[in-house]
Amino acid sequence: MAKRIDPIDVLVGQRVRAYRLSRGMSQSALGEKVGVTFQQIQKYERGANRMGGSRLKKIATILGVNVAAFFGEDECAGRENIDDLLTEVLSQRYATRLLRAFGAIKDEKQRLALVQLAESMTPKTE
């Protein structure tokens, strides 16, 4: 019987990736601190492998968050939709770099121009 990926494992993995990227940490660096290979971190982030409780706690400590943050159950109740959106966006490749670059732009007109450029590149939904 084929192993099925649990949606909770995928969500937790996406959040681990988002927190890791927001700290500018590579999969190799996280793996080294946790005591696993970067390939294992990849599997965790995809939800292909489950993280045991002790491993999840260790990763949370390294990333400076509560374990509950990986499940969207932090002290800020009512933010599930925002947290899910942020997790989805921040777990994508280059998202953190784009946000950091955007934050470094001081000119409001340049920021608006960048947003309009990005919006012009997105598929139109009708």
C-alpha atoms as a PDB file:
ATOM      1  CA  MET A   1       0.000   0.000   0.000  1.00  0.00           C
ATOM      2  CA  ALA A   2       1.366   3.406  -0.985  1.00  0.00           C
ATOM      3  CA  LYS A   3       2.177   5.878   1.768  1.00  0.00           C
ATOM      4  CA  ARG A   4      -0.170   8.870   1.741  1.00  0.00           C
ATOM      5  CA  ILE A   5       0.992  12.354   2.622  1.00  0.00           C
ATOM      6  CA  ASP A   6      -1.093  13.822   5.429  1.00  0.00           C
ATOM      7  CA  PRO A   7      -2.266  17.427   4.848  1.00  0.00           C
ATOM      8  CA  ILE A   8      -1.182  18.358   8.392  1.00  0.00           C
ATOM      9  CA  ASP A   9       2.366  17.181   7.641  1.00  0.00           C
ATOM     10  CA  VAL A  10       2.347  19.340   4.496  1.00  0.00           C
ATOM     11  CA  LEU A  11       1.121  22.390   6.451  1.00  0.00           C
ATOM     12  CA  VAL A  12       3.717  21.906   9.182  1.00  0.00           C
ATOM     13  CA  GLY A  13       6.426  21.456   6.557  1.00  0.00           C
ATOM     14  CA  GLN A  14       5.384  24.644   4.744  1.00  0.00           C
ATOM     15  CA  ARG A  15       5.540  26.561   8.001  1.00  0.00           C
ATOM     16  CA  VAL A  16       8.962  25.139   8.847  1.00  0.00           C
ATOM     17  CA  ARG A  17      10.139  26.264   5.395  1.00  0.00           C
ATOM     18  CA  ALA A  18       8.613  29.724   5.801  1.00  0.00           C
ATOM     19  CA  TYR A  19      10.240  30.261   9.197  1.00  0.00           C
ATOM     20  CA  ARG A  20      13.565  28.876   7.952  1.00  0.00           C
ATOM     21  CA  LEU A  21      13.562  31.169   4.910  1.00  0.00           C
ATOM     22  CA  SER A  22      12.522  34.179   6.968  1.00  0.00           C
ATOM     23  CA  ARG A  23      15.653  33.623   9.063  1.00  0.00           C
ATOM     24  CA  GLY A  24      17.832  33.335   5.963  1.00  0.00           C
ATOM     25  CA  MET A  25      18.802  29.769   6.855  1.00  0.00           C
ATOM     26  CA  SER A  26      19.573  27.086   4.287  1.00  0.00           C
ATOM     27  CA  GLN A  27      18.249  23.542   4.473  1.00  0.00           C
ATOM     28  CA  SER A  28      21.830  22.393   5.041  1.00  0.00           C
ATOM     29  CA  ALA A  29      22.315  24.756   7.980  1.00  0.00           C
ATOM     30  CA  LEU A  30      19.052  23.696   9.600  1.00  0.00           C
ATOM     31  CA  GLY A  31      19.832  20.042   8.992  1.00  0.00           C
ATOM     32  CA  GLU A  32      23.253  20.430  10.569  1.00  0.00           C
ATOM     33  CA  LYS A  33      21.784  22.036  13.687  1.00  0.00           C
ATOM     34  CA  VAL A  34      19.050  19.401  13.918  1.00  0.00           C
ATOM     35  CA  GLY A  35      21.426  16.528  13.197  1.00  0.00           C
ATOM     36  CA  VAL A  36      19.922  15.367   9.893  1.00  0.00           C
ATOM     37  CA  THR A  37      20.788  15.790   6.213  1.00  0.00           C
ATOM     38  CA  PHE A  38      19.441  18.581   4.066  1.00  0.00           C
ATOM     39  CA  GLN A  39      17.560  15.908   2.114  1.00  0.00           C
ATOM     40  CA  GLN A  40      15.695  14.998   5.291  1.00  0.00           C
ATOM     41  CA  ILE A  41      14.809  18.674   5.821  1.00  0.00           C
ATOM     42  CA  GLN A  42      13.504  18.734   2.224  1.00  0.00           C
ATOM     43  CA  LYS A  43      11.299  15.747   2.970  1.00  0.00           C
ATOM     44  CA  TYR A  44       9.993  17.374   6.150  1.00  0.00           C
ATOM     45  CA  GLU A  45       9.224  20.603   4.301  1.00  0.00           C
ATOM     46  CA  ARG A  46       7.323  18.751   1.557  1.00  0.00           C
ATOM     47  CA  GLY A  47       5.411  16.739   4.138  1.00  0.00           C
ATOM     48  CA  ALA A  48       6.786  13.496   2.681  1.00  0.00           C
ATOM     49  CA  ASN A  49       8.245  12.534   6.074  1.00  0.00           C
ATOM     50  CA  ARG A  50       6.683  13.179   9.451  1.00  0.00           C
ATOM     51  CA  MET A  51       8.587  14.873  12.224  1.00  0.00           C
ATOM     52  CA  GLY A  52       8.514  13.279  15.646  1.00  0.00           C
ATOM     53  CA  GLY A  53       7.696  15.430  18.637  1.00  0.00           C
ATOM     54  CA  SER A  54      11.280  15.813  19.831  1.00  0.00           C
ATOM     55  CA  ARG A  55      12.510  16.697  16.344  1.00  0.00           C
ATOM     56  CA  LEU A  56       9.689  19.227  15.900  1.00  0.00           C
ATOM     57  CA  LYS A  57      10.577  20.810  19.250  1.00  0.00           C
ATOM     58  CA  LYS A  58      14.252  20.994  18.287  1.00  0.00           C
ATOM     59  CA  ILE A  59      13.437  22.670  14.957  1.00  0.00           C
ATOM     60  CA  ALA A  60      11.110  25.134  16.694  1.00  0.00           C
ATOM     61  CA  THR A  61      13.842  26.031  19.184  1.00  0.00           C
ATOM     62  CA  ILE A  62      16.408  26.536  16.418  1.00  0.00           C
ATOM     63  CA  LEU A  63      13.989  28.752  14.467  1.00  0.00           C
ATOM     64  CA  GLY A  64      12.960  30.656  17.599  1.00  0.00           C
ATOM     65  CA  VAL A  65       9.238  29.834  17.527  1.00  0.00           C
ATOM     66  CA  ASN A  66       6.782  27.807  19.577  1.00  0.00           C
ATOM     67  CA  VAL A  67       5.857  24.377  18.244  1.00  0.00           C
ATOM     68  CA  ALA A  68       2.257  25.633  18.086  1.00  0.00           C
ATOM     69  CA  ALA A  69       3.315  28.139  15.407  1.00  0.00           C
ATOM     70  CA  PHE A  70       3.849  25.227  13.006  1.00  0.00           C
ATOM     71  CA  PHE A  71       0.187  24.314  13.420  1.00  0.00           C
ATOM     72  CA  GLY A  72      -1.153  27.882  13.259  1.00  0.00           C
ATOM     73  CA  GLU A  73      -2.218  27.671  16.877  1.00  0.00           C
ATOM     74  CA  ASP A  74      -0.358  30.568  18.371  1.00  0.00           C
ATOM     75  CA  GLU A  75      -1.686  33.134  20.781  1.00  0.00           C
ATOM     76  CA  CYS A  76      -3.112  35.268  17.953  1.00  0.00           C
ATOM     77  CA  ALA A  77      -6.409  33.434  17.404  1.00  0.00           C
ATOM     78  CA  GLY A  78      -8.487  34.486  14.437  1.00  0.00           C
ATOM     79  CA  ARG A  79      -5.500  34.912  12.145  1.00  0.00           C
ATOM     80  CA  GLU A  80      -5.711  31.491  10.517  1.00  0.00           C
ATOM     81  CA  ASN A  81      -6.427  32.837   7.041  1.00  0.00           C
ATOM     82  CA  ILE A  82      -3.597  35.354   7.243  1.00  0.00           C
ATOM     83  CA  ASP A  83      -1.210  32.727   8.635  1.00  0.00           C
ATOM     84  CA  ASP A  84      -2.167  30.254   5.907  1.00  0.00           C
ATOM     85  CA  LEU A  85      -1.628  32.884   3.206  1.00  0.00           C
ATOM     86  CA  LEU A  86       1.717  33.938   4.676  1.00  0.00           C
ATOM     87  CA  THR A  87       2.823  30.331   4.985  1.00  0.00           C
ATOM     88  CA  GLU A  88       1.847  29.615   1.394  1.00  0.00           C
ATOM     89  CA  VAL A  89       3.625  32.698   0.057  1.00  0.00           C
ATOM     90  CA  LEU A  90       6.741  32.526   2.227  1.00  0.00           C
ATOM     91  CA  SER A  91       7.294  28.853   1.507  1.00  0.00           C
ATOM     92  CA  GLN A  92       7.720  29.653  -2.190  1.00  0.00           C
ATOM     93  CA  ARG A  93      11.164  30.000  -3.644  1.00  0.00           C
ATOM     94  CA  TYR A  94      12.492  33.593  -3.780  1.00  0.00           C
ATOM     95  CA  ALA A  95       9.592  35.048  -1.765  1.00  0.00           C
ATOM     96  CA  THR A  96      11.764  36.080   1.163  1.00  0.00           C
ATOM     97  CA  ARG A  97      14.319  37.688  -1.144  1.00  0.00           C
ATOM     98  CA  LEU A  98      11.576  39.625  -2.895  1.00  0.00           C
ATOM     99  CA  LEU A  99      10.106  40.842   0.390  1.00  0.00           C
ATOM    100  CA  ARG A 100      13.499  41.915   1.719  1.00  0.00           C
ATOM    101  CA  ALA A 101      14.246  43.807  -1.507  1.00  0.00           C
ATOM    102  CA  PHE A 102      10.803  45.409  -1.400  1.00  0.00           C
ATOM    103  CA  GLY A 103      11.376  46.465   2.203  1.00  0.00           C
ATOM    104  CA  ALA A 104      14.676  48.098   1.242  1.00  0.00           C
ATOM    105  CA  ILE A 105      12.995  50.356  -1.330  1.00  0.00           C
ATOM    106  CA  LYS A 106      12.386  53.672   0.382  1.00  0.00           C
ATOM    107  CA  ASP A 107      10.728  55.543  -2.473  1.00  0.00           C
ATOM    108  CA  GLU A 108       6.950  55.054  -2.352  1.00  0.00           C
ATOM    109  CA  LYS A 109       6.567  55.501  -6.121  1.00  0.00           C
ATOM    110  CA  GLN A 110       9.166  52.808  -6.782  1.00  0.00           C
ATOM    111  CA  ARG A 111       7.367  50.441  -4.395  1.00  0.00           C
ATOM    112  CA  LEU A 112       4.083  51.057  -6.188  1.00  0.00           C
ATOM    113  CA  ALA A 113       5.758  50.523  -9.561  1.00  0.00           C
ATOM    114  CA  LEU A 114       7.113  47.168  -8.364  1.00  0.00           C
ATOM    115  CA  VAL A 115       3.682  46.085  -7.111  1.00  0.00           C
ATOM    116  CA  GLN A 116       2.101  47.111 -10.425  1.00  0.00           C
ATOM    117  CA  LEU A 117       4.788  45.198 -12.332  1.00  0.00           C
ATOM    118  CA  ALA A 118       4.153  42.062 -10.271  1.00  0.00           C
ATOM    119  CA  GLU A 119       0.389  42.417 -10.710  1.00  0.00           C
ATOM    120  CA  SER A 120       0.805  42.824 -14.461  1.00  0.00           C
ATOM    121  CA  MET A 121       2.627  39.465 -14.547  1.00  0.00           C
ATOM    122  CA  THR A 122      -0.132  37.528 -12.788  1.00  0.00           C
ATOM    123  CA  PRO A 123      -2.778  35.629 -14.727  1.00  0.00           C
ATOM    124  CA  LYS A 124      -6.101  37.422 -14.927  1.00  0.00           C
ATOM    125  CA  THR A 125      -9.044  35.601 -13.341  1.00  0.00           C
ATOM    126  CA  GLU A 126     -12.496  36.252 -14.685  1.00  0.00           C
END
